[in-house]
Amino acid sequence: MTNPHRNKLFGGEVDWFTILLWLLLCVIGWFNIHAAVFDPEHPGLFNMNTNYGKQSIYIFSAMIIAATILIVDAKFYSSFSPVFYAITILLLIAVLIVGRNVGGNQAWIPIGSFRLQPSEFAKLATCLLLARFLSAHSNKSPNLKTLLVGAVVIMLPVVLVLLQPDTGSALAFFALVFVFYREGYISGPWMLFGALAILLFVLTLAFNQWAVIAVAAAITGLGIYYFRRKRKIITSLVILFVISATYVFCVEFVYDNILQSHQRDRINLILGQMDDPRGIGYQLNQSKIAIGSGQFWGKGYLQGTQTKYNFVPDQSTDFIFCTIGEEWGFVGSMVVIGIYLTLLLRIVNIAERQRTAFARIYAYGVASILFFHFAINIGMTIGIVPIIGIPLPFISYGGSSLWSFTILLFIMLKFDANKKGIA
């Protein structure tokens, strides 16, 4: 039986199972941060001289933030979404002026000993404003004008984040394309077209651009011969070929002139274009060694040699999954992945049971952002996607990422708890 006092306090029935999944991931992250940067001179989990001690404060404060979100009226988040968006845009501009440069990215604003990363909170604010805008047009048929305005809402923070430059965080915003798909603004064929564009991007980098264009021309020629009596199809094939060829040249331009040298090197490593295990490929190589050495059951808590001797850079942040793989093995890794997949499926289920367009759209935004971070972070640690430097939600060390993901999730849970009261 549901506790009536809890329902009255939080304005509805809260999904406690989702909260349990969130808490499990936070605790798993805390213990693995402890293992990743373990200091025998400061062994305690609550020692404030260490990252794991600081993470305990971040988790405790995240709990307070989560409880506060559930208490505040749900209409507050929808009503003030333009204000939240404006504040994050101002912060993204401010970080370009007064931000601290760390690892080549000017993405943090120093506040005493703490560093605030505005791009993390910008994802949250963008989800809220996008949900407000699209829900205002939910009674109308999807149209190009609404799609373009929604795209502008996303692209404004993307451009500012790229100026830092933080390509990884900028790419995360593009996960919101799934929101447009769910709401009918982008059809299945266009999603397939996007997937083919990604494939063409990879092929262009993996092979000579003229070879890719030649293959495309040959396929177009075969299509023209096969459909030689259907003029409309032939016209479509020619237009598609011209678009594809132009796209190939654009890929080359972006690769040579926009991506930074270390980003190009990381892509070349993934595509097998170069082998540099002691240079640019060192981090990825050590990551694979760490995860592979865990084998089936893992080496045990605090027993990982790759972890203990700091072979993997950024192991408590972007590469925290290496610690899980080495110390908890295949079994532990699958448990963590299973928790994430359960959480994502739960969020989709929550999204579909919402009674308002705003809550549904926002929930799909949450699912999209979390899925992107989860898939790309784990993918880059095992070498199937380029290293772009994004955290593993709720597990990687850092206050900004933990708080922003927590706020992102719990606003959705508040909407779900108060399904009738959201405009």
Protein backbone atom coordinates (compact mmCIF):
# COMPACT_ATOMS: atom_id res chain seq x y z
CA MET A 1 0.00 0.00 0.00
CA THR A 2 1.29 3.46 -0.88
CA ASN A 3 2.12 5.81 1.96
CA PRO A 4 -0.45 8.66 1.79
CA HIS A 5 1.91 11.09 3.57
CA ARG A 6 4.58 10.58 0.95
CA ASN A 7 2.07 11.18 -1.79
CA LYS A 8 0.87 14.37 -0.16
CA LEU A 9 4.44 15.61 0.35
CA PHE A 10 5.52 14.95 -3.25
CA GLY A 11 2.21 15.85 -4.87
CA GLY A 12 1.50 12.37 -6.20
CA GLU A 13 2.76 8.81 -6.34
CA VAL A 14 6.51 8.74 -6.92
CA ASP A 15 8.16 5.99 -8.97
CA TRP A 16 10.37 4.57 -6.22
CA PHE A 17 11.76 1.83 -8.44
CA THR A 18 13.37 4.42 -10.71
CA ILE A 19 14.76 6.21 -7.66
CA LEU A 20 16.25 2.90 -6.48
CA LEU A 21 17.98 2.45 -9.86
CA TRP A 22 19.35 6.00 -9.63
CA LEU A 23 20.65 5.38 -6.11
CA LEU A 24 22.25 2.07 -7.15
CA LEU A 25 24.17 3.79 -9.94
CA CYS A 26 25.32 6.58 -7.60
CA VAL A 27 26.61 4.07 -5.04
CA ILE A 28 28.30 1.96 -7.73
CA GLY A 29 29.97 5.11 -9.00
CA TRP A 30 31.13 6.13 -5.54
CA PHE A 31 32.79 2.78 -4.79
CA ASN A 32 34.43 2.61 -8.21
CA ILE A 33 35.76 6.16 -7.88
CA HIS A 34 37.21 4.99 -4.57
CA ALA A 35 38.90 2.10 -6.37
CA ALA A 36 40.08 4.24 -9.30
CA VAL A 37 41.93 6.83 -7.20
CA PHE A 38 42.46 4.85 -3.99
CA ASP A 39 45.00 6.45 -1.67
CA PRO A 40 46.33 4.16 1.13
CA GLU A 41 47.14 7.24 3.19
CA HIS A 42 43.51 8.36 3.00
CA PRO A 43 41.57 5.07 2.79
CA GLY A 44 38.25 6.29 4.18
CA LEU A 45 35.36 6.72 1.76
CA PHE A 46 34.51 10.05 3.39
CA ASN A 47 38.00 11.60 3.37
CA MET A 48 37.55 15.07 1.87
CA ASN A 49 41.15 15.15 0.61
CA THR A 50 40.22 12.63 -2.09
CA ASN A 51 37.87 12.52 -5.06
CA TYR A 52 35.83 9.74 -3.48
CA GLY A 53 35.37 11.81 -0.34
CA LYS A 54 34.19 14.76 -2.43
CA GLN A 55 31.91 12.46 -4.41
CA SER A 56 30.17 11.44 -1.18
CA ILE A 57 29.31 15.12 -0.67
CA TYR A 58 28.07 15.39 -4.25
CA ILE A 59 25.85 12.32 -3.78
CA PHE A 60 24.47 13.60 -0.46
CA SER A 61 23.73 17.01 -1.97
CA ALA A 62 22.17 15.30 -5.01
CA MET A 63 19.75 13.55 -2.63
CA ILE A 64 18.78 16.90 -1.15
CA ILE A 65 18.33 18.35 -4.64
CA ALA A 66 16.21 15.34 -5.66
CA ALA A 67 13.94 15.66 -2.62
CA THR A 68 13.55 19.40 -3.23
CA ILE A 69 12.58 18.83 -6.86
CA LEU A 70 9.87 16.36 -5.81
CA ILE A 71 8.45 18.84 -3.29
CA VAL A 72 8.28 21.87 -5.62
CA ASP A 73 5.13 22.24 -7.72
CA ALA A 74 5.50 20.59 -11.14
CA LYS A 75 4.21 23.69 -12.94
CA PHE A 76 7.26 25.62 -11.75
CA TYR A 77 9.56 23.69 -14.11
CA SER A 78 7.39 24.19 -17.18
CA SER A 79 6.58 27.83 -16.43
CA PHE A 80 10.19 28.84 -15.83
CA SER A 81 11.77 26.74 -18.59
CA PRO A 82 12.57 29.86 -20.72
CA VAL A 83 14.30 31.41 -17.69
CA PHE A 84 16.39 28.28 -17.07
CA TYR A 85 17.35 28.21 -20.75
CA ALA A 86 18.34 31.89 -20.74
CA ILE A 87 20.46 31.44 -17.61
CA THR A 88 22.37 28.49 -19.10
CA ILE A 89 22.96 30.41 -22.33
CA LEU A 90 24.42 33.29 -20.29
CA LEU A 91 26.61 30.80 -18.39
CA LEU A 92 27.82 29.29 -21.66
CA ILE A 93 28.81 32.77 -22.81
CA ALA A 94 30.41 33.55 -19.44
CA VAL A 95 32.54 30.40 -19.51
CA LEU A 96 34.11 31.61 -22.77
CA ILE A 97 35.19 34.78 -20.97
CA VAL A 98 36.06 33.75 -17.40
CA GLY A 99 36.19 29.96 -17.70
CA ARG A 100 39.12 27.78 -16.71
CA ASN A 101 40.89 25.81 -19.42
CA VAL A 102 41.31 22.15 -18.51
CA GLY A 103 42.67 19.66 -21.04
CA GLY A 104 42.25 22.11 -23.91
CA ASN A 105 38.58 22.88 -23.14
CA GLN A 106 37.49 26.15 -21.57
CA ALA A 107 34.35 24.55 -20.14
CA TRP A 108 34.45 25.26 -16.40
CA ILE A 109 33.69 28.28 -14.24
CA PRO A 110 35.77 28.20 -11.02
CA ILE A 111 33.74 28.80 -7.86
CA GLY A 112 36.22 28.45 -5.01
CA SER A 113 37.53 24.89 -5.10
CA PHE A 114 34.52 23.76 -7.14
CA ARG A 115 34.31 23.94 -10.94
CA LEU A 116 30.89 24.44 -12.54
CA GLN A 117 30.39 23.02 -16.03
CA PRO A 118 27.51 24.94 -17.65
CA SER A 119 27.23 22.60 -20.64
CA GLU A 120 25.92 19.83 -18.39
CA PHE A 121 23.05 22.02 -17.15
CA ALA A 122 22.42 23.35 -20.66
CA LYS A 123 21.21 19.86 -21.70
CA LEU A 124 18.62 19.98 -18.93
CA ALA A 125 17.45 23.50 -19.81
CA THR A 126 17.27 22.62 -23.51
CA CYS A 127 15.09 19.58 -22.78
CA LEU A 128 12.69 21.74 -20.73
CA LEU A 129 12.37 24.52 -23.30
CA LEU A 130 12.09 22.08 -26.20
CA ALA A 131 9.30 20.25 -24.34
CA ARG A 132 7.49 23.53 -23.69
CA PHE A 133 7.77 24.66 -27.30
CA LEU A 134 6.78 21.37 -28.94
CA SER A 135 3.93 20.75 -26.48
CA ALA A 136 2.48 24.16 -27.40
CA HIS A 137 2.13 22.83 -30.96
CA SER A 138 1.05 19.30 -30.00
CA ASN A 139 -2.54 19.89 -31.18
CA LYS A 140 -1.32 20.79 -34.67
CA SER A 141 0.08 18.54 -37.36
CA PRO A 142 3.90 18.43 -37.32
CA ASN A 143 5.30 21.00 -39.75
CA LEU A 144 8.66 22.20 -40.99
CA LYS A 145 8.44 25.59 -39.25
CA THR A 146 8.02 24.03 -35.80
CA LEU A 147 10.84 21.58 -36.55
CA LEU A 148 13.19 24.40 -37.55
CA VAL A 149 12.42 26.51 -34.47
CA GLY A 150 12.95 23.44 -32.28
CA ALA A 151 16.26 22.85 -34.04
CA VAL A 152 17.31 26.43 -33.23
CA VAL A 153 16.56 25.81 -29.54
CA ILE A 154 19.04 22.94 -29.68
CA MET A 155 21.66 24.53 -31.94
CA LEU A 156 22.18 27.72 -29.90
CA PRO A 157 23.81 25.91 -26.94
CA VAL A 158 25.55 23.53 -29.37
CA VAL A 159 27.36 26.42 -31.07
CA LEU A 160 28.40 27.92 -27.72
CA VAL A 161 29.68 24.56 -26.44
CA LEU A 162 31.64 24.02 -29.66
CA LEU A 163 33.39 27.33 -29.06
CA GLN A 164 34.85 26.01 -25.78
CA PRO A 165 35.65 23.66 -27.67
CA ASP A 166 33.88 20.62 -26.17
CA THR A 167 32.82 18.40 -29.06
CA GLY A 168 31.62 15.56 -26.83
CA SER A 169 29.14 17.67 -24.87
CA ALA A 170 27.97 19.36 -28.09
CA LEU A 171 27.24 16.03 -29.76
CA ALA A 172 25.05 14.97 -26.82
CA PHE A 173 22.46 17.60 -27.77
CA PHE A 174 21.91 15.86 -31.12
CA ALA A 175 20.47 12.86 -29.26
CA LEU A 176 17.30 14.97 -28.99
CA VAL A 177 16.58 13.99 -32.61
CA PHE A 178 14.73 11.01 -31.05
CA VAL A 179 12.28 13.49 -29.49
CA PHE A 180 11.43 14.87 -32.93
CA TYR A 181 11.03 11.32 -34.21
CA ARG A 182 8.65 10.36 -31.40
CA GLU A 183 6.55 13.49 -31.94
CA GLY A 184 6.26 12.87 -35.68
CA TYR A 185 8.46 15.72 -36.92
CA ILE A 186 10.99 13.31 -38.42
CA SER A 187 9.77 10.18 -40.18
CA GLY A 188 11.33 6.73 -40.22
CA PRO A 189 12.84 7.19 -43.72
CA TRP A 190 14.57 10.39 -42.58
CA MET A 191 16.01 8.58 -39.55
CA LEU A 192 17.27 5.91 -41.97
CA PHE A 193 18.71 8.69 -44.13
CA GLY A 194 20.55 10.01 -41.07
CA ALA A 195 21.95 6.55 -40.34
CA LEU A 196 23.15 6.29 -43.94
CA ALA A 197 24.79 9.72 -43.60
CA ILE A 198 26.74 8.44 -40.59
CA LEU A 199 27.77 5.36 -42.59
CA LEU A 200 28.88 7.57 -45.49
CA PHE A 201 30.84 9.71 -43.03
CA VAL A 202 32.74 6.66 -41.76
CA LEU A 203 33.37 5.31 -45.26
CA THR A 204 34.69 8.69 -46.41
CA LEU A 205 37.23 8.74 -43.58
CA ALA A 206 38.13 5.08 -43.91
CA PHE A 207 38.69 5.22 -47.67
CA ASN A 208 39.65 7.77 -50.32
CA GLN A 209 36.83 10.25 -50.96
CA TRP A 210 37.06 9.70 -54.71
CA ALA A 211 36.68 5.96 -54.20
CA VAL A 212 33.49 6.54 -52.17
CA ILE A 213 32.12 8.88 -54.86
CA ALA A 214 32.99 6.34 -57.57
CA VAL A 215 31.10 3.60 -55.74
CA ALA A 216 28.13 5.93 -55.26
CA ALA A 217 28.24 6.78 -58.97
CA ALA A 218 28.31 3.09 -59.90
CA ILE A 219 25.31 2.34 -57.66
CA THR A 220 23.46 5.33 -59.14
CA GLY A 221 24.25 4.09 -62.66
CA LEU A 222 22.89 0.64 -61.89
CA GLY A 223 19.76 2.21 -60.42
CA ILE A 224 19.26 4.37 -63.51
CA TYR A 225 19.62 1.32 -65.77
CA TYR A 226 17.21 -0.75 -63.67
CA PHE A 227 14.60 2.05 -63.48
CA ARG A 228 15.33 3.44 -66.98
CA ARG A 229 11.63 3.73 -67.79
CA LYS A 230 10.71 5.56 -64.57
CA ARG A 231 11.75 9.18 -64.95
CA LYS A 232 10.81 10.28 -61.42
CA ILE A 233 12.94 7.59 -59.82
CA ILE A 234 15.87 8.42 -62.11
CA THR A 235 15.60 12.10 -61.14
CA SER A 236 15.54 11.15 -57.45
CA LEU A 237 18.63 8.95 -57.88
CA VAL A 238 20.56 11.74 -59.60
CA ILE A 239 19.61 14.24 -56.88
CA LEU A 240 20.60 11.74 -54.19
CA PHE A 241 23.97 11.20 -55.87
CA VAL A 242 24.65 14.95 -56.05
CA ILE A 243 23.74 15.32 -52.37
CA SER A 244 25.95 12.37 -51.43
CA ALA A 245 28.93 13.67 -53.39
CA THR A 246 28.55 17.13 -51.85
CA TYR A 247 28.28 15.54 -48.41
CA VAL A 248 31.50 13.58 -48.97
CA PHE A 249 33.40 16.78 -49.77
CA CYS A 250 31.87 18.45 -46.67
CA VAL A 251 33.05 15.53 -44.52
CA GLU A 252 36.58 16.04 -45.75
CA PHE A 253 36.37 19.78 -45.06
CA VAL A 254 35.01 19.29 -41.52
CA TYR A 255 37.57 16.60 -40.79
CA ASP A 256 40.51 18.69 -41.99
CA ASN A 257 39.46 22.16 -40.82
CA ILE A 258 37.06 21.88 -37.87
CA LEU A 259 38.07 18.81 -35.87
CA GLN A 260 41.12 19.25 -33.65
CA SER A 261 44.23 17.16 -34.35
CA HIS A 262 43.76 14.87 -31.33
CA GLN A 263 40.14 14.24 -32.38
CA ARG A 264 41.28 13.30 -35.89
CA ASP A 265 43.89 10.97 -34.41
CA ARG A 266 41.29 9.26 -32.22
CA ILE A 267 39.01 8.70 -35.20
CA ASN A 268 41.95 7.29 -37.19
CA LEU A 269 42.69 4.89 -34.34
CA ILE A 270 39.12 3.57 -34.36
CA LEU A 271 39.16 3.22 -38.15
CA GLY A 272 42.51 1.43 -38.09
CA GLN A 273 44.25 4.22 -40.01
CA MET A 274 47.01 4.51 -37.43
CA ASP A 275 48.54 2.56 -34.55
CA ASP A 276 50.06 4.56 -31.70
CA PRO A 277 49.81 2.55 -28.46
CA ARG A 278 52.28 4.80 -26.63
CA GLY A 279 51.01 8.14 -27.92
CA ILE A 280 47.47 9.18 -28.83
CA GLY A 281 46.33 5.56 -28.57
CA TYR A 282 47.76 5.05 -25.08
CA GLN A 283 44.54 5.76 -23.17
CA LEU A 284 42.39 3.52 -25.36
CA ASN A 285 44.99 0.75 -25.33
CA GLN A 286 45.26 0.81 -21.53
CA SER A 287 41.47 0.94 -21.25
CA LYS A 288 41.12 -2.24 -23.30
CA ILE A 289 43.84 -3.94 -21.25
CA ALA A 290 42.11 -2.99 -18.00
CA ILE A 291 38.67 -4.22 -19.08
CA GLY A 292 40.04 -7.37 -20.70
CA SER A 293 42.16 -8.28 -17.67
CA GLY A 294 39.02 -8.44 -15.51
CA GLN A 295 37.92 -11.52 -17.49
CA PHE A 296 34.68 -13.13 -16.23
CA TRP A 297 34.54 -12.45 -12.48
CA GLY A 298 37.01 -9.58 -12.17
CA LYS A 299 40.06 -9.18 -9.94
CA GLY A 300 38.10 -8.00 -6.92
CA TYR A 301 37.51 -4.69 -5.19
CA LEU A 302 40.72 -2.61 -4.93
CA GLN A 303 42.66 -5.41 -6.62
CA GLY A 304 42.86 -4.07 -10.16
CA THR A 305 46.49 -3.59 -11.18
CA GLN A 306 45.75 -1.28 -14.12
CA THR A 307 43.59 0.75 -11.76
CA LYS A 308 45.91 0.63 -8.76
CA TYR A 309 48.96 1.83 -10.69
CA ASN A 310 47.14 4.59 -12.63
CA PHE A 311 47.76 3.22 -16.11
CA VAL A 312 44.50 4.66 -17.50
CA PRO A 313 44.20 8.48 -17.57
CA ASP A 314 40.88 10.00 -16.40
CA GLN A 315 39.87 6.70 -14.84
CA SER A 316 37.63 8.25 -12.20
CA THR A 317 35.81 10.45 -14.73
CA ASP A 318 35.32 9.57 -18.40
CA PHE A 319 36.98 6.14 -18.11
CA ILE A 320 35.36 4.92 -14.89
CA PHE A 321 33.95 1.90 -16.76
CA CYS A 322 37.53 0.55 -16.96
CA THR A 323 37.52 0.14 -13.18
CA ILE A 324 34.22 -1.72 -13.30
CA GLY A 325 35.52 -4.01 -16.06
CA GLU A 326 38.81 -4.78 -14.35
CA GLU A 327 37.65 -5.25 -10.76
CA TRP A 328 34.16 -6.67 -11.36
CA GLY A 329 34.78 -8.42 -14.68
CA PHE A 330 32.25 -9.34 -17.34
CA VAL A 331 29.61 -10.17 -14.74
CA GLY A 332 29.90 -6.82 -12.97
CA SER A 333 29.95 -4.95 -16.27
CA MET A 334 26.79 -6.71 -17.41
CA VAL A 335 25.09 -5.89 -14.11
CA VAL A 336 25.87 -2.18 -14.55
CA ILE A 337 24.74 -2.24 -18.20
CA GLY A 338 21.61 -4.11 -17.12
CA ILE A 339 20.79 -1.41 -14.55
CA TYR A 340 21.21 1.28 -17.20
CA LEU A 341 19.03 -0.53 -19.72
CA THR A 342 16.36 -1.10 -17.05
CA LEU A 343 16.46 2.59 -16.20
CA LEU A 344 16.15 3.63 -19.86
CA LEU A 345 13.24 1.26 -20.47
CA ARG A 346 11.61 2.54 -17.31
CA ILE A 347 11.94 6.14 -18.51
CA VAL A 348 10.36 5.26 -21.88
CA ASN A 349 7.53 3.54 -20.02
CA ILE A 350 7.07 6.63 -17.84
CA ALA A 351 7.08 8.82 -20.95
CA GLU A 352 4.33 6.81 -22.62
CA ARG A 353 2.03 6.92 -19.60
CA GLN A 354 2.08 10.72 -19.32
CA ARG A 355 -1.21 12.56 -19.85
CA THR A 356 0.34 15.77 -21.15
CA ALA A 357 2.49 16.40 -24.20
CA PHE A 358 4.95 18.48 -22.16
CA ALA A 359 5.73 15.65 -19.72
CA ARG A 360 5.96 13.06 -22.49
CA ILE A 361 8.30 15.15 -24.64
CA TYR A 362 10.49 16.02 -21.68
CA ALA A 363 10.72 12.36 -20.61
CA TYR A 364 11.85 11.35 -24.10
CA GLY A 365 14.47 14.11 -23.89
CA VAL A 366 15.73 12.58 -20.65
CA ALA A 367 15.87 9.11 -22.22
CA SER A 368 17.72 10.46 -25.28
CA ILE A 369 20.41 12.32 -23.32
CA LEU A 370 21.01 9.45 -20.88
CA PHE A 371 21.14 6.87 -23.69
CA PHE A 372 23.68 8.91 -25.64
CA HIS A 373 25.98 9.30 -22.63
CA PHE A 374 25.62 5.66 -21.61
CA ALA A 375 26.21 4.22 -25.10
CA ILE A 376 29.02 6.56 -26.16
CA ASN A 377 30.91 6.48 -22.84
CA ILE A 378 31.02 2.69 -22.69
CA GLY A 379 31.65 2.50 -26.44
CA MET A 380 34.70 4.74 -26.23
CA THR A 381 36.22 2.76 -23.34
CA ILE A 382 36.08 -0.48 -25.35
CA GLY A 383 37.19 1.15 -28.61
CA ILE A 384 34.10 1.02 -30.82
CA VAL A 385 33.55 4.80 -30.96
CA PRO A 386 36.06 7.69 -30.87
CA ILE A 387 37.03 9.13 -27.50
CA ILE A 388 35.03 12.36 -27.14
CA GLY A 389 35.23 12.85 -23.37
CA ILE A 390 31.76 12.56 -21.86
CA PRO A 391 30.88 11.22 -18.38
CA LEU A 392 29.01 8.02 -17.53
CA PRO A 393 25.77 9.26 -15.91
CA PHE A 394 25.60 8.98 -12.09
CA ILE A 395 28.87 6.99 -12.00
CA SER A 396 31.67 9.27 -13.22
CA TYR A 397 33.31 11.60 -10.70
CA GLY A 398 32.10 15.19 -10.74
CA GLY A 399 29.53 17.42 -9.11
CA SER A 400 28.24 19.17 -12.24
CA SER A 401 27.48 15.95 -14.12
CA LEU A 402 25.92 14.18 -11.11
CA TRP A 403 23.73 17.14 -10.19
CA SER A 404 22.64 17.90 -13.75
CA PHE A 405 21.71 14.28 -14.49
CA THR A 406 19.93 14.02 -11.14
CA ILE A 407 17.91 17.18 -11.80
CA LEU A 408 17.17 15.95 -15.33
CA LEU A 409 15.81 12.65 -14.00
CA PHE A 410 13.92 13.91 -10.97
CA ILE A 411 12.04 16.66 -12.80
CA MET A 412 10.69 13.86 -14.97
CA LEU A 413 9.75 11.88 -11.86
CA LYS A 414 7.96 14.95 -10.49
CA PHE A 415 5.95 15.27 -13.70
CA ASP A 416 5.10 11.58 -13.46
CA ALA A 417 4.03 11.91 -9.82
CA ASN A 418 1.73 14.79 -10.71
CA LYS A 419 0.39 13.74 -14.11
CA LYS A 420 -2.69 15.96 -13.97
CA GLY A 421 -1.02 19.20 -12.99
CA ILE A 422 1.40 19.95 -15.80
CA ALA A 423 0.56 22.61 -18.37
